[in-house]
Amino acid sequence: MKSEYKVGLLFLVSVGLVIVFAFAIGALGPFRDSYKLTVLYNFAGGIEEGSPVRVMGIKVGKVQRIRFEPGLISPSGEEVQLAIDIAVDKKAWRTVRSDSQFFINIAGLIGEKFVEITPGRQESPQLADGQLVRGEDPPRVDQLLSQGYGLAGKILEMVEKNEGKFSDTIFKLNDLVKNVNKTLVLLEKATHKVEVNRLLQNMVKITDDVAKVSSKMSSEEAQKTYDFIHTLIWRLEPLDKEAIKEFLQEEGVRARIF
């Protein structure tokens, strides 16, 4: 066999082996076990190539590549700066839908960074392999801290510049509280005063009734009644039980009193 044929045969065998190997690892055809997505961000939050990709907290892939793409336009028309290529396992691909969200999270306080995919609704459309999706930019802790320090500094500066005004405000609030307490005390006294007024009114009515009775007692008939009762009492005082009974019977009282 000529050497040219040997070289050609060796080349064909090599190509065949490469194709078979590609099929075997899933890089080609139906044997592949992952799908690719490109997630667009403006801030990566420390994510790196090789960082895990998780769905519902379960690792289902990894970050394959991070690319700077200035001026890249997202599907929503927003300009972005970063493109992150991720691979998602075939077993979790059905949970990734058009309404899924892509976050950059951290495991614990100082743990590794990872891409978290929230599962979408089953009625939402399935994403296509290699599709561009917009991710949720992670909060910038450094900016939050610097803004917090700046805000605290401004508050301290304002307090120092307006220290006298703040003191006056505190004193005014203190006076206001005292006045409110005095008002409550006056209201309480007024409530008791209302009860006293009612008592006085009742006493006035009783006095009027007593005056009316007294005015009637000053009449001639009332005076006779009073004299009769007075005489009766003085007559009864030296008598015992039997004498009182006999006296009452003589006066026409027939009821059994004793």
C-alpha atoms as a PDB file:
ATOM      1  CA  MET A   1       0.000   0.000   0.000  1.00  0.00           C
ATOM      2  CA  LYS A   2       1.319   3.372  -0.975  1.00  0.00           C
ATOM      3  CA  SER A   3       2.226   5.852   1.742  1.00  0.00           C
ATOM      4  CA  GLU A   4      -0.337   8.377   0.406  1.00  0.00           C
ATOM      5  CA  TYR A   5      -3.141   5.905   1.043  1.00  0.00           C
ATOM      6  CA  LYS A   6      -1.830   5.183   4.505  1.00  0.00           C
ATOM      7  CA  VAL A   7      -1.748   8.889   5.361  1.00  0.00           C
ATOM      8  CA  GLY A   8      -5.265   9.379   3.971  1.00  0.00           C
ATOM      9  CA  LEU A   9      -6.614   6.417   5.873  1.00  0.00           C
ATOM     10  CA  LEU A  10      -4.969   7.619   9.086  1.00  0.00           C
ATOM     11  CA  PHE A  11      -6.500  11.066   8.564  1.00  0.00           C
ATOM     12  CA  LEU A  12     -10.000   9.640   8.061  1.00  0.00           C
ATOM     13  CA  VAL A  13      -9.665   7.441  11.131  1.00  0.00           C
ATOM     14  CA  SER A  14      -8.527  10.454  13.177  1.00  0.00           C
ATOM     15  CA  VAL A  15     -11.480  12.543  11.986  1.00  0.00           C
ATOM     16  CA  GLY A  16     -13.833   9.702  12.784  1.00  0.00           C
ATOM     17  CA  LEU A  17     -12.417   9.334  16.263  1.00  0.00           C
ATOM     18  CA  VAL A  18     -12.778  13.084  16.871  1.00  0.00           C
ATOM     19  CA  ILE A  19     -16.415  12.978  15.748  1.00  0.00           C
ATOM     20  CA  VAL A  20     -17.151   9.947  17.891  1.00  0.00           C
ATOM     21  CA  PHE A  21     -15.469  11.596  20.862  1.00  0.00           C
ATOM     22  CA  ALA A  22     -17.491  14.785  20.301  1.00  0.00           C
ATOM     23  CA  PHE A  23     -20.714  12.788  20.228  1.00  0.00           C
ATOM     24  CA  ALA A  24     -19.633  10.867  23.303  1.00  0.00           C
ATOM     25  CA  ILE A  25     -19.049  13.974  25.425  1.00  0.00           C
ATOM     26  CA  GLY A  26     -22.233  15.601  24.152  1.00  0.00           C
ATOM     27  CA  ALA A  27     -20.599  18.468  22.275  1.00  0.00           C
ATOM     28  CA  LEU A  28     -22.450  17.482  19.135  1.00  0.00           C
ATOM     29  CA  GLY A  29     -25.839  16.030  18.312  1.00  0.00           C
ATOM     30  CA  PRO A  30     -28.376  14.545  20.669  1.00  0.00           C
ATOM     31  CA  PHE A  31     -25.733  13.198  23.053  1.00  0.00           C
ATOM     32  CA  ARG A  32     -24.923  16.559  24.588  1.00  0.00           C
ATOM     33  CA  ASP A  33     -26.069  16.933  28.189  1.00  0.00           C
ATOM     34  CA  SER A  34     -26.078  20.739  28.568  1.00  0.00           C
ATOM     35  CA  TYR A  35     -27.406  23.873  26.918  1.00  0.00           C
ATOM     36  CA  LYS A  36     -25.819  27.279  26.601  1.00  0.00           C
ATOM     37  CA  LEU A  37     -27.192  30.695  27.559  1.00  0.00           C
ATOM     38  CA  THR A  38     -25.605  34.126  27.413  1.00  0.00           C
ATOM     39  CA  VAL A  39     -26.570  36.263  30.399  1.00  0.00           C
ATOM     40  CA  LEU A  40     -26.047  40.026  30.073  1.00  0.00           C
ATOM     41  CA  TYR A  41     -24.958  42.207  32.995  1.00  0.00           C
ATOM     42  CA  ASN A  42     -23.530  45.625  33.765  1.00  0.00           C
ATOM     43  CA  PHE A  43     -21.879  44.407  36.974  1.00  0.00           C
ATOM     44  CA  ALA A  44     -20.684  40.863  37.584  1.00  0.00           C
ATOM     45  CA  GLY A  45     -20.272  41.107  41.367  1.00  0.00           C
ATOM     46  CA  GLY A  46     -17.080  39.016  41.476  1.00  0.00           C
ATOM     47  CA  ILE A  47     -18.319  36.069  39.393  1.00  0.00           C
ATOM     48  CA  GLU A  48     -15.541  34.106  37.690  1.00  0.00           C
ATOM     49  CA  GLU A  49     -15.168  31.536  34.958  1.00  0.00           C
ATOM     50  CA  GLY A  50     -15.867  28.123  36.411  1.00  0.00           C
ATOM     51  CA  SER A  51     -18.267  29.481  39.052  1.00  0.00           C
ATOM     52  CA  PRO A  52     -21.286  27.208  39.563  1.00  0.00           C
ATOM     53  CA  VAL A  53     -24.744  27.755  38.112  1.00  0.00           C
ATOM     54  CA  ARG A  54     -27.619  26.752  40.401  1.00  0.00           C
ATOM     55  CA  VAL A  55     -31.353  26.228  40.039  1.00  0.00           C
ATOM     56  CA  MET A  56     -33.302  26.127  43.328  1.00  0.00           C
ATOM     57  CA  GLY A  57     -29.970  25.815  45.138  1.00  0.00           C
ATOM     58  CA  ILE A  58     -28.821  22.769  43.130  1.00  0.00           C
ATOM     59  CA  LYS A  59     -25.733  22.951  40.945  1.00  0.00           C
ATOM     60  CA  VAL A  60     -26.773  22.400  37.326  1.00  0.00           C
ATOM     61  CA  GLY A  61     -23.889  23.918  35.378  1.00  0.00           C
ATOM     62  CA  LYS A  62     -21.054  26.408  35.406  1.00  0.00           C
ATOM     63  CA  VAL A  63     -19.865  29.720  33.998  1.00  0.00           C
ATOM     64  CA  GLN A  64     -17.949  28.990  30.804  1.00  0.00           C
ATOM     65  CA  ARG A  65     -16.767  32.420  29.727  1.00  0.00           C
ATOM     66  CA  ILE A  66     -16.974  36.108  30.684  1.00  0.00           C
ATOM     67  CA  ARG A  67     -16.721  38.660  27.895  1.00  0.00           C
ATOM     68  CA  PHE A  68     -16.555  42.445  27.852  1.00  0.00           C
ATOM     69  CA  GLU A  69     -19.054  43.667  25.277  1.00  0.00           C
ATOM     70  CA  PRO A  70     -19.271  47.500  25.404  1.00  0.00           C
ATOM     71  CA  GLY A  71     -22.364  48.784  23.635  1.00  0.00           C
ATOM     72  CA  LEU A  72     -24.100  45.393  23.515  1.00  0.00           C
ATOM     73  CA  ILE A  73     -27.889  45.745  23.381  1.00  0.00           C
ATOM     74  CA  SER A  74     -30.029  43.395  25.453  1.00  0.00           C
ATOM     75  CA  PRO A  75     -33.308  41.922  24.130  1.00  0.00           C
ATOM     76  CA  SER A  76     -35.189  44.667  26.024  1.00  0.00           C
ATOM     77  CA  GLY A  77     -33.197  47.388  24.259  1.00  0.00           C
ATOM     78  CA  GLU A  78     -30.957  48.212  27.238  1.00  0.00           C
ATOM     79  CA  GLU A  79     -27.256  48.800  26.700  1.00  0.00           C
ATOM     80  CA  VAL A  80     -25.041  46.408  28.679  1.00  0.00           C
ATOM     81  CA  GLN A  81     -21.316  45.895  29.112  1.00  0.00           C
ATOM     82  CA  LEU A  82     -20.817  42.242  30.086  1.00  0.00           C
ATOM     83  CA  ALA A  83     -21.794  38.907  28.554  1.00  0.00           C
ATOM     84  CA  ILE A  84     -21.489  35.740  30.629  1.00  0.00           C
ATOM     85  CA  ASP A  85     -21.790  32.383  28.879  1.00  0.00           C
ATOM     86  CA  ILE A  86     -23.228  29.677  31.128  1.00  0.00           C
ATOM     87  CA  ALA A  87     -23.957  25.987  30.629  1.00  0.00           C
ATOM     88  CA  VAL A  88     -27.133  24.443  32.074  1.00  0.00           C
ATOM     89  CA  ASP A  89     -27.532  20.690  32.444  1.00  0.00           C
ATOM     90  CA  LYS A  90     -30.156  19.014  30.335  1.00  0.00           C
ATOM     91  CA  LYS A  91     -31.894  17.663  33.439  1.00  0.00           C
ATOM     92  CA  ALA A  92     -32.637  21.211  34.645  1.00  0.00           C
ATOM     93  CA  TRP A  93     -33.231  22.819  31.262  1.00  0.00           C
ATOM     94  CA  ARG A  94     -37.005  22.384  31.386  1.00  0.00           C
ATOM     95  CA  THR A  95     -37.220  24.656  34.441  1.00  0.00           C
ATOM     96  CA  VAL A  96     -35.506  27.540  32.636  1.00  0.00           C
ATOM     97  CA  ARG A  97     -38.232  29.615  30.966  1.00  0.00           C
ATOM     98  CA  SER A  98     -38.652  33.063  29.499  1.00  0.00           C
ATOM     99  CA  ASP A  99     -39.776  34.441  32.885  1.00  0.00           C
ATOM    100  CA  SER A 100     -36.804  32.972  34.765  1.00  0.00           C
ATOM    101  CA  GLN A 101     -34.492  35.413  36.502  1.00  0.00           C
ATOM    102  CA  PHE A 102     -30.705  35.247  36.658  1.00  0.00           C
ATOM    103  CA  PHE A 103     -29.067  36.492  39.860  1.00  0.00           C
ATOM    104  CA  ILE A 104     -25.465  36.588  41.021  1.00  0.00           C
ATOM    105  CA  ASN A 105     -25.480  35.359  44.610  1.00  0.00           C
ATOM    106  CA  ILE A 106     -22.932  34.482  47.251  1.00  0.00           C
ATOM    107  CA  ALA A 107     -22.873  31.355  49.409  1.00  0.00           C
ATOM    108  CA  GLY A 108     -22.776  32.707  52.955  1.00  0.00           C
ATOM    109  CA  LEU A 109     -20.955  35.871  53.936  1.00  0.00           C
ATOM    110  CA  ILE A 110     -17.578  35.039  52.392  1.00  0.00           C
ATOM    111  CA  GLY A 111     -18.492  32.045  50.247  1.00  0.00           C
ATOM    112  CA  GLU A 112     -18.116  31.562  46.524  1.00  0.00           C
ATOM    113  CA  LYS A 113     -20.139  33.506  43.970  1.00  0.00           C
ATOM    114  CA  PHE A 114     -22.570  31.665  41.714  1.00  0.00           C
ATOM    115  CA  VAL A 115     -25.303  32.306  39.170  1.00  0.00           C
ATOM    116  CA  GLU A 116     -28.760  31.515  40.563  1.00  0.00           C
ATOM    117  CA  ILE A 117     -31.587  30.806  38.106  1.00  0.00           C
ATOM    118  CA  THR A 118     -35.155  31.018  39.355  1.00  0.00           C
ATOM    119  CA  PRO A 119     -37.425  28.446  37.696  1.00  0.00           C
ATOM    120  CA  GLY A 120     -40.092  29.849  35.425  1.00  0.00           C
ATOM    121  CA  ARG A 121     -43.723  28.894  35.059  1.00  0.00           C
ATOM    122  CA  GLN A 122     -44.472  25.840  32.960  1.00  0.00           C
ATOM    123  CA  GLU A 123     -46.853  27.814  30.731  1.00  0.00           C
ATOM    124  CA  SER A 124     -44.060  30.278  29.853  1.00  0.00           C
ATOM    125  CA  PRO A 125     -42.116  29.707  26.606  1.00  0.00           C
ATOM    126  CA  GLN A 126     -38.967  27.595  26.698  1.00  0.00           C
ATOM    127  CA  LEU A 127     -35.677  29.417  26.106  1.00  0.00           C
ATOM    128  CA  ALA A 128     -33.688  28.520  23.023  1.00  0.00           C
ATOM    129  CA  ASP A 129     -30.169  27.146  23.161  1.00  0.00           C
ATOM    130  CA  GLY A 130     -27.655  30.025  23.012  1.00  0.00           C
ATOM    131  CA  GLN A 131     -30.314  32.694  23.665  1.00  0.00           C
ATOM    132  CA  LEU A 132     -29.415  36.102  25.108  1.00  0.00           C
ATOM    133  CA  VAL A 133     -31.113  36.914  28.427  1.00  0.00           C
ATOM    134  CA  ARG A 134     -30.836  39.901  30.755  1.00  0.00           C
ATOM    135  CA  GLY A 135     -29.599  39.152  34.262  1.00  0.00           C
ATOM    136  CA  GLU A 136     -30.287  41.032  37.496  1.00  0.00           C
ATOM    137  CA  ASP A 137     -27.302  43.195  38.422  1.00  0.00           C
ATOM    138  CA  PRO A 138     -26.160  42.425  41.997  1.00  0.00           C
ATOM    139  CA  PRO A 139     -26.089  45.286  44.524  1.00  0.00           C
ATOM    140  CA  ARG A 140     -22.741  46.956  44.934  1.00  0.00           C
ATOM    141  CA  VAL A 141     -21.890  46.626  48.607  1.00  0.00           C
ATOM    142  CA  ASP A 142     -18.903  48.950  48.307  1.00  0.00           C
ATOM    143  CA  GLN A 143     -21.089  51.718  46.923  1.00  0.00           C
ATOM    144  CA  LEU A 144     -23.713  51.141  49.614  1.00  0.00           C
ATOM    145  CA  LEU A 145     -21.051  51.389  52.329  1.00  0.00           C
ATOM    146  CA  SER A 146     -19.497  54.511  50.857  1.00  0.00           C
ATOM    147  CA  GLN A 147     -22.922  56.126  50.460  1.00  0.00           C
ATOM    148  CA  GLY A 148     -23.751  55.168  54.043  1.00  0.00           C
ATOM    149  CA  TYR A 149     -20.558  56.766  55.330  1.00  0.00           C
ATOM    150  CA  GLY A 150     -21.265  59.854  53.240  1.00  0.00           C
ATOM    151  CA  LEU A 151     -24.804  60.102  54.583  1.00  0.00           C
ATOM    152  CA  ALA A 152     -23.597  59.677  58.171  1.00  0.00           C
ATOM    153  CA  GLY A 153     -21.027  62.421  57.639  1.00  0.00           C
ATOM    154  CA  LYS A 154     -23.672  64.791  56.278  1.00  0.00           C
ATOM    155  CA  ILE A 155     -25.946  64.081  59.243  1.00  0.00           C
ATOM    156  CA  LEU A 156     -23.131  64.793  61.715  1.00  0.00           C
ATOM    157  CA  GLU A 157     -22.233  67.972  59.863  1.00  0.00           C
ATOM    158  CA  MET A 158     -25.855  69.133  59.905  1.00  0.00           C
ATOM    159  CA  VAL A 159     -26.146  68.379  63.631  1.00  0.00           C
ATOM    160  CA  GLU A 160     -22.957  70.305  64.402  1.00  0.00           C
ATOM    161  CA  LYS A 161     -24.052  73.319  62.349  1.00  0.00           C
ATOM    162  CA  ASN A 162     -27.534  73.372  63.850  1.00  0.00           C
ATOM    163  CA  GLU A 163     -26.725  72.265  67.380  1.00  0.00           C
ATOM    164  CA  GLY A 164     -28.459  75.299  68.886  1.00  0.00           C
ATOM    165  CA  LYS A 165     -31.578  74.763  66.794  1.00  0.00           C
ATOM    166  CA  PHE A 166     -31.744  71.117  67.800  1.00  0.00           C
ATOM    167  CA  SER A 167     -31.434  72.110  71.464  1.00  0.00           C
ATOM    168  CA  ASP A 168     -34.221  74.662  71.088  1.00  0.00           C
ATOM    169  CA  THR A 169     -36.374  72.064  69.396  1.00  0.00           C
ATOM    170  CA  ILE A 170     -35.795  69.596  72.234  1.00  0.00           C
ATOM    171  CA  PHE A 171     -36.678  72.239  74.846  1.00  0.00           C
ATOM    172  CA  LYS A 172     -39.805  73.177  72.923  1.00  0.00           C
ATOM    173  CA  LEU A 173     -40.839  69.547  72.766  1.00  0.00           C
ATOM    174  CA  ASN A 174     -40.259  69.285  76.516  1.00  0.00           C
ATOM    175  CA  ASP A 175     -42.450  72.352  77.122  1.00  0.00           C
ATOM    176  CA  LEU A 176     -45.087  70.914  74.833  1.00  0.00           C
ATOM    177  CA  VAL A 177     -45.171  67.690  76.843  1.00  0.00           C
ATOM    178  CA  LYS A 178     -45.521  69.675  80.084  1.00  0.00           C
ATOM    179  CA  ASN A 179     -48.385  71.703  78.646  1.00  0.00           C
ATOM    180  CA  VAL A 180     -50.122  68.551  77.497  1.00  0.00           C
ATOM    181  CA  ASN A 181     -49.793  67.091  81.006  1.00  0.00           C
ATOM    182  CA  LYS A 182     -51.273  70.259  82.506  1.00  0.00           C
ATOM    183  CA  THR A 183     -54.143  70.110  80.057  1.00  0.00           C
ATOM    184  CA  LEU A 184     -54.853  66.508  81.014  1.00  0.00           C
ATOM    185  CA  VAL A 185     -54.854  67.449  84.721  1.00  0.00           C
ATOM    186  CA  LEU A 186     -57.306  70.288  84.059  1.00  0.00           C
ATOM    187  CA  LEU A 187     -59.532  67.967  82.085  1.00  0.00           C
ATOM    188  CA  GLU A 188     -59.496  65.472  84.942  1.00  0.00           C
ATOM    189  CA  LYS A 189     -60.393  68.202  87.418  1.00  0.00           C
ATOM    190  CA  ALA A 190     -63.142  69.422  85.130  1.00  0.00           C
ATOM    191  CA  THR A 191     -64.550  65.905  85.053  1.00  0.00           C
ATOM    192  CA  HIS A 192     -64.644  65.784  88.852  1.00  0.00           C
ATOM    193  CA  LYS A 193     -66.120  69.272  88.871  1.00  0.00           C
ATOM    194  CA  VAL A 194     -68.998  68.085  86.731  1.00  0.00           C
ATOM    195  CA  GLU A 195     -69.755  65.401  89.350  1.00  0.00           C
ATOM    196  CA  VAL A 196     -69.603  67.996  92.126  1.00  0.00           C
ATOM    197  CA  ASN A 197     -71.966  70.231  90.192  1.00  0.00           C
ATOM    198  CA  ARG A 198     -74.418  67.363  89.885  1.00  0.00           C
ATOM    199  CA  LEU A 199     -74.181  66.738  93.641  1.00  0.00           C
ATOM    200  CA  LEU A 200     -74.802  70.407  94.368  1.00  0.00           C
ATOM    201  CA  GLN A 201     -77.794  70.447  92.051  1.00  0.00           C
ATOM    202  CA  ASN A 202     -79.260  67.421  93.846  1.00  0.00           C
ATOM    203  CA  MET A 203     -78.688  69.093  97.200  1.00  0.00           C
ATOM    204  CA  VAL A 204     -80.456  72.213  95.966  1.00  0.00           C
ATOM    205  CA  LYS A 205     -83.437  70.105  94.913  1.00  0.00           C
ATOM    206  CA  ILE A 206     -83.521  68.365  98.305  1.00  0.00           C
ATOM    207  CA  THR A 207     -83.335  71.735 100.038  1.00  0.00           C
ATOM    208  CA  ASP A 208     -86.222  72.999  97.950  1.00  0.00           C
ATOM    209  CA  ASP A 209     -88.274  69.937  98.885  1.00  0.00           C
ATOM    210  CA  VAL A 210     -87.453  70.431 102.561  1.00  0.00           C
ATOM    211  CA  ALA A 211     -88.428  74.083 102.263  1.00  0.00           C
ATOM    212  CA  LYS A 212     -91.739  73.130 100.719  1.00  0.00           C
ATOM    213  CA  VAL A 213     -92.408  70.639 103.524  1.00  0.00           C
ATOM    214  CA  SER A 214     -91.410  73.243 106.086  1.00  0.00           C
ATOM    215  CA  SER A 215     -93.731  75.791 104.526  1.00  0.00           C
ATOM    216  CA  LYS A 216     -96.587  73.327 104.754  1.00  0.00           C
ATOM    217  CA  MET A 217     -95.687  72.536 108.359  1.00  0.00           C
ATOM    218  CA  SER A 218     -96.152  76.185 109.246  1.00  0.00           C
ATOM    219  CA  SER A 219     -99.853  76.022 108.416  1.00  0.00           C
ATOM    220  CA  GLU A 220    -102.515  75.803 111.195  1.00  0.00           C
ATOM    221  CA  GLU A 221    -103.438  72.211 110.297  1.00  0.00           C
ATOM    222  CA  ALA A 222     -99.828  71.097 110.411  1.00  0.00           C
ATOM    223  CA  GLN A 223     -99.405  72.782 113.771  1.00  0.00           C
ATOM    224  CA  LYS A 224    -102.387  70.894 115.167  1.00  0.00           C
ATOM    225  CA  THR A 225    -100.902  67.605 113.865  1.00  0.00           C
ATOM    226  CA  TYR A 226     -97.601  68.418 115.484  1.00  0.00           C
ATOM    227  CA  ASP A 227     -99.264  69.260 118.811  1.00  0.00           C
ATOM    228  CA  PHE A 228    -101.250  66.028 118.719  1.00  0.00           C
ATOM    229  CA  ILE A 229     -98.150  63.909 118.067  1.00  0.00           C
ATOM    230  CA  HIS A 230     -96.263  65.744 120.802  1.00  0.00           C
ATOM    231  CA  THR A 231     -99.051  65.171 123.315  1.00  0.00           C
ATOM    232  CA  LEU A 232     -99.342  61.535 122.317  1.00  0.00           C
ATOM    233  CA  ILE A 233     -95.640  60.919 122.825  1.00  0.00           C
ATOM    234  CA  TRP A 234     -95.659  62.517 126.282  1.00  0.00           C
ATOM    235  CA  ARG A 235     -98.709  60.507 127.275  1.00  0.00           C
ATOM    236  CA  LEU A 236     -97.150  57.246 126.094  1.00  0.00           C
ATOM    237  CA  GLU A 237     -93.791  57.761 127.766  1.00  0.00           C
ATOM    238  CA  PRO A 238     -94.816  56.687 131.360  1.00  0.00           C
ATOM    239  CA  LEU A 239     -96.958  53.755 130.182  1.00  0.00           C
ATOM    240  CA  ASP A 240     -95.941  50.137 129.921  1.00  0.00           C
ATOM    241  CA  LYS A 241     -96.950  47.600 127.290  1.00  0.00           C
ATOM    242  CA  GLU A 242    -100.397  46.793 128.665  1.00  0.00           C
ATOM    243  CA  ALA A 243    -101.247  50.413 129.276  1.00  0.00           C
ATOM    244  CA  ILE A 244    -100.283  51.365 125.727  1.00  0.00           C
ATOM    245  CA  LYS A 245    -102.404  48.546 124.363  1.00  0.00           C
ATOM    246  CA  GLU A 246    -105.404  49.601 126.443  1.00  0.00           C
ATOM    247  CA  PHE A 247    -104.933  53.216 125.445  1.00  0.00           C
ATOM    248  CA  LEU A 248    -104.822  52.446 121.749  1.00  0.00           C
ATOM    249  CA  GLN A 249    -107.928  50.299 121.996  1.00  0.00           C
ATOM    250  CA  GLU A 250    -109.725  53.130 123.730  1.00  0.00           C
ATOM    251  CA  GLU A 251    -108.741  55.422 120.919  1.00  0.00           C
ATOM    252  CA  GLY A 252    -110.338  53.070 118.424  1.00  0.00           C
ATOM    253  CA  VAL A 253    -107.263  51.160 117.195  1.00  0.00           C
ATOM    254  CA  ARG A 254    -108.537  47.569 116.995  1.00  0.00           C
ATOM    255  CA  ALA A 255    -105.636  46.046 115.124  1.00  0.00           C
ATOM    256  CA  ARG A 256    -103.434  43.560 116.920  1.00  0.00           C
ATOM    257  CA  ILE A 257    -100.248  45.498 117.448  1.00  0.00           C
ATOM    258  CA  PHE A 258     -98.583  43.427 120.165  1.00  0.00           C
END
